[in-house]
Amino acid sequence: MIKAQIVETEDKIAILQQQIEQLQEEIRLAKGTKEIPKKTKTVEDVISEKPRTFDEIVKVLNQDPEDVSNTLQELRRLRAMTNVGTEESPRWFLIIGNDVSTDTVCMAVEALIRDRPMTLQELVSSTGATAGRVSNAIRTLMRDSNGRVLNIGTPGRARWFVAPLNSVQKKPRRTKDDDAIDA
């Protein structure tokens, strides 16, 4: 019994020593003694940035389409992503849920309404966040976007959209000279 505990303890010590060596290597990398390898993007990373088609995901990841397809099928099975496109032309987006930071909700809402105009309910179902958190994100984006987040819907049904940078122009201020010309 005691020998088994000693062997188990020695195994744990060996694992801890390997972890220490890995951490020391990471510290050396962080100090700049070696080139830091880039983190490999995953399907989840790519579809959390913005809605993407299957071909776009494959192109960004530079992976085998079959591997990407298998991952997408698993994400669909887990209900971790949603189609924000059409049945004929699906565009996949990661469902972030409600247990994320406010900044994450804002980034997800912005990514979605950059892609196409969406109602509050569409945003709620596409993000997995509550209506209150999505409404908060819209207000924050409206405040911080310099007039680029627009409601292009009807008075009874808002549809939110982020206009391209150069499309929203502020009206020029009238000057005294303009008033003199008009008189």
C-alpha atoms as a PDB file:
ATOM      1  CA  MET A   1       0.000   0.000   0.000  1.00  0.00           C
ATOM      2  CA  ILE A   2       2.766   2.447   0.964  1.00  0.00           C
ATOM      3  CA  LYS A   3       4.845   1.444  -2.092  1.00  0.00           C
ATOM      4  CA  ALA A   4       1.879   2.229  -4.356  1.00  0.00           C
ATOM      5  CA  GLN A   5       1.522   5.663  -2.750  1.00  0.00           C
ATOM      6  CA  ILE A   6       5.261   6.297  -3.189  1.00  0.00           C
ATOM      7  CA  VAL A   7       5.087   5.347  -6.889  1.00  0.00           C
ATOM      8  CA  GLU A   8       2.015   7.537  -7.357  1.00  0.00           C
ATOM      9  CA  THR A   9       3.759  10.445  -5.635  1.00  0.00           C
ATOM     10  CA  GLU A  10       6.860   9.988  -7.790  1.00  0.00           C
ATOM     11  CA  ASP A  11       4.686  10.019 -10.912  1.00  0.00           C
ATOM     12  CA  LYS A  12       3.065  13.259  -9.776  1.00  0.00           C
ATOM     13  CA  ILE A  13       6.503  14.762  -9.112  1.00  0.00           C
ATOM     14  CA  ALA A  14       7.642  13.789 -12.621  1.00  0.00           C
ATOM     15  CA  ILE A  15       4.559  15.436 -14.140  1.00  0.00           C
ATOM     16  CA  LEU A  16       5.130  18.583 -12.088  1.00  0.00           C
ATOM     17  CA  GLN A  17       8.775  18.701 -13.187  1.00  0.00           C
ATOM     18  CA  GLN A  18       7.680  18.518 -16.832  1.00  0.00           C
ATOM     19  CA  GLN A  19       5.215  21.344 -16.239  1.00  0.00           C
ATOM     20  CA  ILE A  20       7.985  23.415 -14.589  1.00  0.00           C
ATOM     21  CA  GLU A  21      10.233  22.868 -17.600  1.00  0.00           C
ATOM     22  CA  GLN A  22       7.431  23.916 -19.965  1.00  0.00           C
ATOM     23  CA  LEU A  23       6.769  27.050 -17.921  1.00  0.00           C
ATOM     24  CA  GLN A  24      10.468  27.903 -17.867  1.00  0.00           C
ATOM     25  CA  GLU A  25      10.554  27.563 -21.662  1.00  0.00           C
ATOM     26  CA  GLU A  26       7.526  29.865 -21.942  1.00  0.00           C
ATOM     27  CA  ILE A  27       9.280  32.409 -19.702  1.00  0.00           C
ATOM     28  CA  ARG A  28      12.378  32.267 -21.925  1.00  0.00           C
ATOM     29  CA  LEU A  29      10.146  32.839 -24.951  1.00  0.00           C
ATOM     30  CA  ALA A  30       8.389  35.746 -23.291  1.00  0.00           C
ATOM     31  CA  LYS A  31      11.726  37.363 -22.469  1.00  0.00           C
ATOM     32  CA  GLY A  32      12.558  37.364 -26.152  1.00  0.00           C
ATOM     33  CA  THR A  33      15.320  34.773 -26.160  1.00  0.00           C
ATOM     34  CA  LYS A  34      13.464  32.846 -28.868  1.00  0.00           C
ATOM     35  CA  GLU A  35      10.793  33.662 -31.392  1.00  0.00           C
ATOM     36  CA  ILE A  36       7.347  33.286 -29.885  1.00  0.00           C
ATOM     37  CA  PRO A  37       5.225  30.931 -31.980  1.00  0.00           C
ATOM     38  CA  LYS A  38       1.874  32.310 -33.167  1.00  0.00           C
ATOM     39  CA  LYS A  39      -1.234  30.814 -31.626  1.00  0.00           C
ATOM     40  CA  THR A  40      -3.089  28.682 -34.104  1.00  0.00           C
ATOM     41  CA  LYS A  41      -6.604  29.929 -34.771  1.00  0.00           C
ATOM     42  CA  THR A  42      -9.493  27.560 -34.281  1.00  0.00           C
ATOM     43  CA  VAL A  43     -12.860  27.434 -36.005  1.00  0.00           C
ATOM     44  CA  GLU A  44     -14.356  28.978 -32.854  1.00  0.00           C
ATOM     45  CA  ASP A  45     -11.914  31.906 -33.054  1.00  0.00           C
ATOM     46  CA  VAL A  46     -12.733  32.543 -36.697  1.00  0.00           C
ATOM     47  CA  ILE A  47     -16.533  32.444 -36.364  1.00  0.00           C
ATOM     48  CA  SER A  48     -16.467  34.595 -33.228  1.00  0.00           C
ATOM     49  CA  GLU A  49     -14.794  37.445 -35.167  1.00  0.00           C
ATOM     50  CA  LYS A  50     -17.609  37.826 -37.690  1.00  0.00           C
ATOM     51  CA  PRO A  51     -20.158  35.680 -39.528  1.00  0.00           C
ATOM     52  CA  ARG A  52     -18.416  33.550 -42.145  1.00  0.00           C
ATOM     53  CA  THR A  53     -19.248  31.055 -44.857  1.00  0.00           C
ATOM     54  CA  PHE A  54     -17.717  27.583 -44.900  1.00  0.00           C
ATOM     55  CA  ASP A  55     -15.296  28.598 -47.674  1.00  0.00           C
ATOM     56  CA  GLU A  56     -14.204  31.698 -45.742  1.00  0.00           C
ATOM     57  CA  ILE A  57     -13.520  29.592 -42.640  1.00  0.00           C
ATOM     58  CA  VAL A  58     -11.443  27.090 -44.634  1.00  0.00           C
ATOM     59  CA  LYS A  59      -9.498  29.917 -46.301  1.00  0.00           C
ATOM     60  CA  VAL A  60      -8.747  31.757 -43.030  1.00  0.00           C
ATOM     61  CA  LEU A  61      -7.671  28.595 -41.217  1.00  0.00           C
ATOM     62  CA  ASN A  62      -5.869  27.088 -44.209  1.00  0.00           C
ATOM     63  CA  GLN A  63      -7.050  23.663 -43.079  1.00  0.00           C
ATOM     64  CA  ASP A  64      -8.491  20.599 -44.737  1.00  0.00           C
ATOM     65  CA  PRO A  65     -12.170  21.250 -45.566  1.00  0.00           C
ATOM     66  CA  GLU A  66     -13.136  17.870 -44.123  1.00  0.00           C
ATOM     67  CA  ASP A  67     -11.602  18.773 -40.737  1.00  0.00           C
ATOM     68  CA  VAL A  68     -13.398  22.125 -40.742  1.00  0.00           C
ATOM     69  CA  SER A  69     -16.655  20.405 -41.700  1.00  0.00           C
ATOM     70  CA  ASN A  70     -16.288  17.923 -38.841  1.00  0.00           C
ATOM     71  CA  THR A  71     -15.660  20.754 -36.369  1.00  0.00           C
ATOM     72  CA  LEU A  72     -18.671  22.701 -37.654  1.00  0.00           C
ATOM     73  CA  GLN A  73     -20.858  19.617 -37.327  1.00  0.00           C
ATOM     74  CA  GLU A  74     -19.710  19.171 -33.733  1.00  0.00           C
ATOM     75  CA  LEU A  75     -20.389  22.840 -32.948  1.00  0.00           C
ATOM     76  CA  ARG A  76     -23.868  22.511 -34.480  1.00  0.00           C
ATOM     77  CA  ARG A  77     -24.504  19.383 -32.440  1.00  0.00           C
ATOM     78  CA  LEU A  78     -23.497  21.270 -29.281  1.00  0.00           C
ATOM     79  CA  ARG A  79     -25.612  24.262 -30.359  1.00  0.00           C
ATOM     80  CA  ALA A  80     -22.521  26.441 -29.993  1.00  0.00           C
ATOM     81  CA  MET A  81     -23.003  28.265 -33.289  1.00  0.00           C
ATOM     82  CA  THR A  82     -25.833  29.645 -35.348  1.00  0.00           C
ATOM     83  CA  ASN A  83     -26.548  30.313 -39.004  1.00  0.00           C
ATOM     84  CA  VAL A  84     -27.111  34.052 -39.502  1.00  0.00           C
ATOM     85  CA  GLY A  85     -27.335  33.674 -43.272  1.00  0.00           C
ATOM     86  CA  THR A  86     -29.849  31.694 -45.296  1.00  0.00           C
ATOM     87  CA  GLU A  87     -30.307  27.963 -45.827  1.00  0.00           C
ATOM     88  CA  GLU A  88     -28.837  28.327 -49.325  1.00  0.00           C
ATOM     89  CA  SER A  89     -25.917  30.477 -48.166  1.00  0.00           C
ATOM     90  CA  PRO A  90     -25.183  29.811 -44.488  1.00  0.00           C
ATOM     91  CA  ARG A  91     -23.008  32.226 -42.535  1.00  0.00           C
ATOM     92  CA  TRP A  92     -21.845  30.788 -39.232  1.00  0.00           C
ATOM     93  CA  PHE A  93     -21.380  32.730 -36.002  1.00  0.00           C
ATOM     94  CA  LEU A  94     -20.355  31.525 -32.536  1.00  0.00           C
ATOM     95  CA  ILE A  95     -23.043  31.766 -29.842  1.00  0.00           C
ATOM     96  CA  ILE A  96     -21.255  33.520 -26.973  1.00  0.00           C
ATOM     97  CA  GLY A  97     -23.955  33.035 -24.338  1.00  0.00           C
ATOM     98  CA  ASN A  98     -24.826  35.271 -21.425  1.00  0.00           C
ATOM     99  CA  ASP A  99     -21.914  34.465 -19.102  1.00  0.00           C
ATOM    100  CA  VAL A 100     -19.394  36.709 -20.868  1.00  0.00           C
ATOM    101  CA  SER A 101     -18.151  40.244 -20.337  1.00  0.00           C
ATOM    102  CA  THR A 102     -20.037  43.294 -21.561  1.00  0.00           C
ATOM    103  CA  ASP A 103     -17.198  44.009 -23.997  1.00  0.00           C
ATOM    104  CA  THR A 104     -17.594  40.544 -25.501  1.00  0.00           C
ATOM    105  CA  VAL A 105     -21.336  41.111 -25.993  1.00  0.00           C
ATOM    106  CA  CYS A 106     -20.599  44.489 -27.613  1.00  0.00           C
ATOM    107  CA  MET A 107     -18.022  42.936 -29.963  1.00  0.00           C
ATOM    108  CA  ALA A 108     -20.421  40.147 -30.949  1.00  0.00           C
ATOM    109  CA  VAL A 109     -23.329  42.542 -31.566  1.00  0.00           C
ATOM    110  CA  GLU A 110     -21.102  44.851 -33.596  1.00  0.00           C
ATOM    111  CA  ALA A 111     -19.790  41.949 -35.697  1.00  0.00           C
ATOM    112  CA  LEU A 112     -23.334  40.795 -36.421  1.00  0.00           C
ATOM    113  CA  ILE A 113     -24.766  44.187 -37.366  1.00  0.00           C
ATOM    114  CA  ARG A 114     -21.737  44.965 -39.518  1.00  0.00           C
ATOM    115  CA  ASP A 115     -22.660  41.890 -41.554  1.00  0.00           C
ATOM    116  CA  ARG A 116     -26.346  42.744 -42.046  1.00  0.00           C
ATOM    117  CA  PRO A 117     -29.163  44.655 -40.329  1.00  0.00           C
ATOM    118  CA  MET A 118     -30.696  42.717 -37.431  1.00  0.00           C
ATOM    119  CA  THR A 119     -33.572  43.123 -35.001  1.00  0.00           C
ATOM    120  CA  LEU A 120     -33.127  42.873 -31.255  1.00  0.00           C
ATOM    121  CA  GLN A 121     -34.652  39.382 -31.244  1.00  0.00           C
ATOM    122  CA  GLU A 122     -32.309  38.216 -34.026  1.00  0.00           C
ATOM    123  CA  LEU A 123     -29.348  39.556 -32.056  1.00  0.00           C
ATOM    124  CA  VAL A 124     -30.536  37.816 -28.881  1.00  0.00           C
ATOM    125  CA  SER A 125     -30.886  34.464 -30.631  1.00  0.00           C
ATOM    126  CA  SER A 126     -27.581  34.871 -32.503  1.00  0.00           C
ATOM    127  CA  THR A 127     -25.526  35.790 -29.428  1.00  0.00           C
ATOM    128  CA  GLY A 128     -27.260  33.822 -26.699  1.00  0.00           C
ATOM    129  CA  ALA A 129     -27.177  36.924 -24.465  1.00  0.00           C
ATOM    130  CA  THR A 130     -30.296  38.349 -22.833  1.00  0.00           C
ATOM    131  CA  ALA A 131     -32.308  41.135 -24.464  1.00  0.00           C
ATOM    132  CA  GLY A 132     -31.165  43.543 -21.746  1.00  0.00           C
ATOM    133  CA  ARG A 133     -27.483  42.848 -22.376  1.00  0.00           C
ATOM    134  CA  VAL A 134     -27.935  43.141 -26.145  1.00  0.00           C
ATOM    135  CA  SER A 135     -29.860  46.434 -25.742  1.00  0.00           C
ATOM    136  CA  ASN A 136     -27.056  47.705 -23.511  1.00  0.00           C
ATOM    137  CA  ALA A 137     -24.527  46.719 -26.175  1.00  0.00           C
ATOM    138  CA  ILE A 138     -26.503  48.591 -28.846  1.00  0.00           C
ATOM    139  CA  ARG A 139     -26.648  51.724 -26.656  1.00  0.00           C
ATOM    140  CA  THR A 140     -22.919  51.486 -25.991  1.00  0.00           C
ATOM    141  CA  LEU A 141     -22.167  51.052 -29.688  1.00  0.00           C
ATOM    142  CA  MET A 142     -24.431  53.987 -30.591  1.00  0.00           C
ATOM    143  CA  ARG A 143     -22.647  56.174 -28.056  1.00  0.00           C
ATOM    144  CA  ASP A 144     -19.151  55.138 -29.148  1.00  0.00           C
ATOM    145  CA  SER A 145     -19.648  54.795 -32.907  1.00  0.00           C
ATOM    146  CA  ASN A 146     -19.848  58.463 -33.857  1.00  0.00           C
ATOM    147  CA  GLY A 147     -23.257  58.043 -35.454  1.00  0.00           C
ATOM    148  CA  ARG A 148     -22.445  54.870 -37.406  1.00  0.00           C
ATOM    149  CA  VAL A 149     -24.873  52.537 -35.581  1.00  0.00           C
ATOM    150  CA  LEU A 150     -28.182  53.190 -37.258  1.00  0.00           C
ATOM    151  CA  ASN A 151     -31.757  52.020 -36.836  1.00  0.00           C
ATOM    152  CA  ILE A 152     -32.830  51.398 -40.421  1.00  0.00           C
ATOM    153  CA  GLY A 153     -36.052  49.606 -39.524  1.00  0.00           C
ATOM    154  CA  THR A 154     -39.627  50.793 -39.226  1.00  0.00           C
ATOM    155  CA  PRO A 155     -40.964  52.723 -36.221  1.00  0.00           C
ATOM    156  CA  GLY A 156     -42.469  49.484 -34.874  1.00  0.00           C
ATOM    157  CA  ARG A 157     -39.477  47.230 -35.507  1.00  0.00           C
ATOM    158  CA  ALA A 158     -35.915  48.453 -35.137  1.00  0.00           C
ATOM    159  CA  ARG A 159     -33.236  46.930 -37.366  1.00  0.00           C
ATOM    160  CA  TRP A 160     -29.731  47.835 -36.268  1.00  0.00           C
ATOM    161  CA  PHE A 161     -26.827  48.263 -38.662  1.00  0.00           C
ATOM    162  CA  VAL A 162     -23.283  49.629 -38.570  1.00  0.00           C
ATOM    163  CA  ALA A 163     -22.748  51.950 -41.507  1.00  0.00           C
ATOM    164  CA  PRO A 164     -19.340  51.954 -43.239  1.00  0.00           C
ATOM    165  CA  LEU A 165     -16.903  54.596 -42.017  1.00  0.00           C
ATOM    166  CA  ASN A 166     -17.253  57.079 -44.884  1.00  0.00           C
ATOM    167  CA  SER A 167     -21.011  56.793 -45.326  1.00  0.00           C
ATOM    168  CA  VAL A 168     -22.061  58.808 -42.278  1.00  0.00           C
ATOM    169  CA  GLN A 169     -21.367  62.498 -42.679  1.00  0.00           C
ATOM    170  CA  LYS A 170     -22.230  65.134 -40.179  1.00  0.00           C
ATOM    171  CA  LYS A 171     -24.102  68.166 -41.409  1.00  0.00           C
ATOM    172  CA  PRO A 172     -21.822  71.182 -41.701  1.00  0.00           C
ATOM    173  CA  ARG A 173     -22.431  73.851 -39.093  1.00  0.00           C
ATOM    174  CA  ARG A 174     -23.961  77.075 -40.265  1.00  0.00           C
ATOM    175  CA  THR A 175     -21.800  80.120 -39.837  1.00  0.00           C
ATOM    176  CA  LYS A 176     -22.608  83.827 -39.645  1.00  0.00           C
ATOM    177  CA  ASP A 177     -21.547  84.142 -43.276  1.00  0.00           C
ATOM    178  CA  ASP A 178     -24.182  81.556 -44.290  1.00  0.00           C
ATOM    179  CA  ASP A 179     -26.829  83.567 -42.456  1.00  0.00           C
ATOM    180  CA  ALA A 180     -25.716  86.751 -44.239  1.00  0.00           C
ATOM    181  CA  ILE A 181     -25.918  85.019 -47.630  1.00  0.00           C
ATOM    182  CA  ASP A 182     -29.441  83.784 -46.916  1.00  0.00           C
ATOM    183  CA  ALA A 183     -30.618  87.292 -45.964  1.00  0.00           C
END
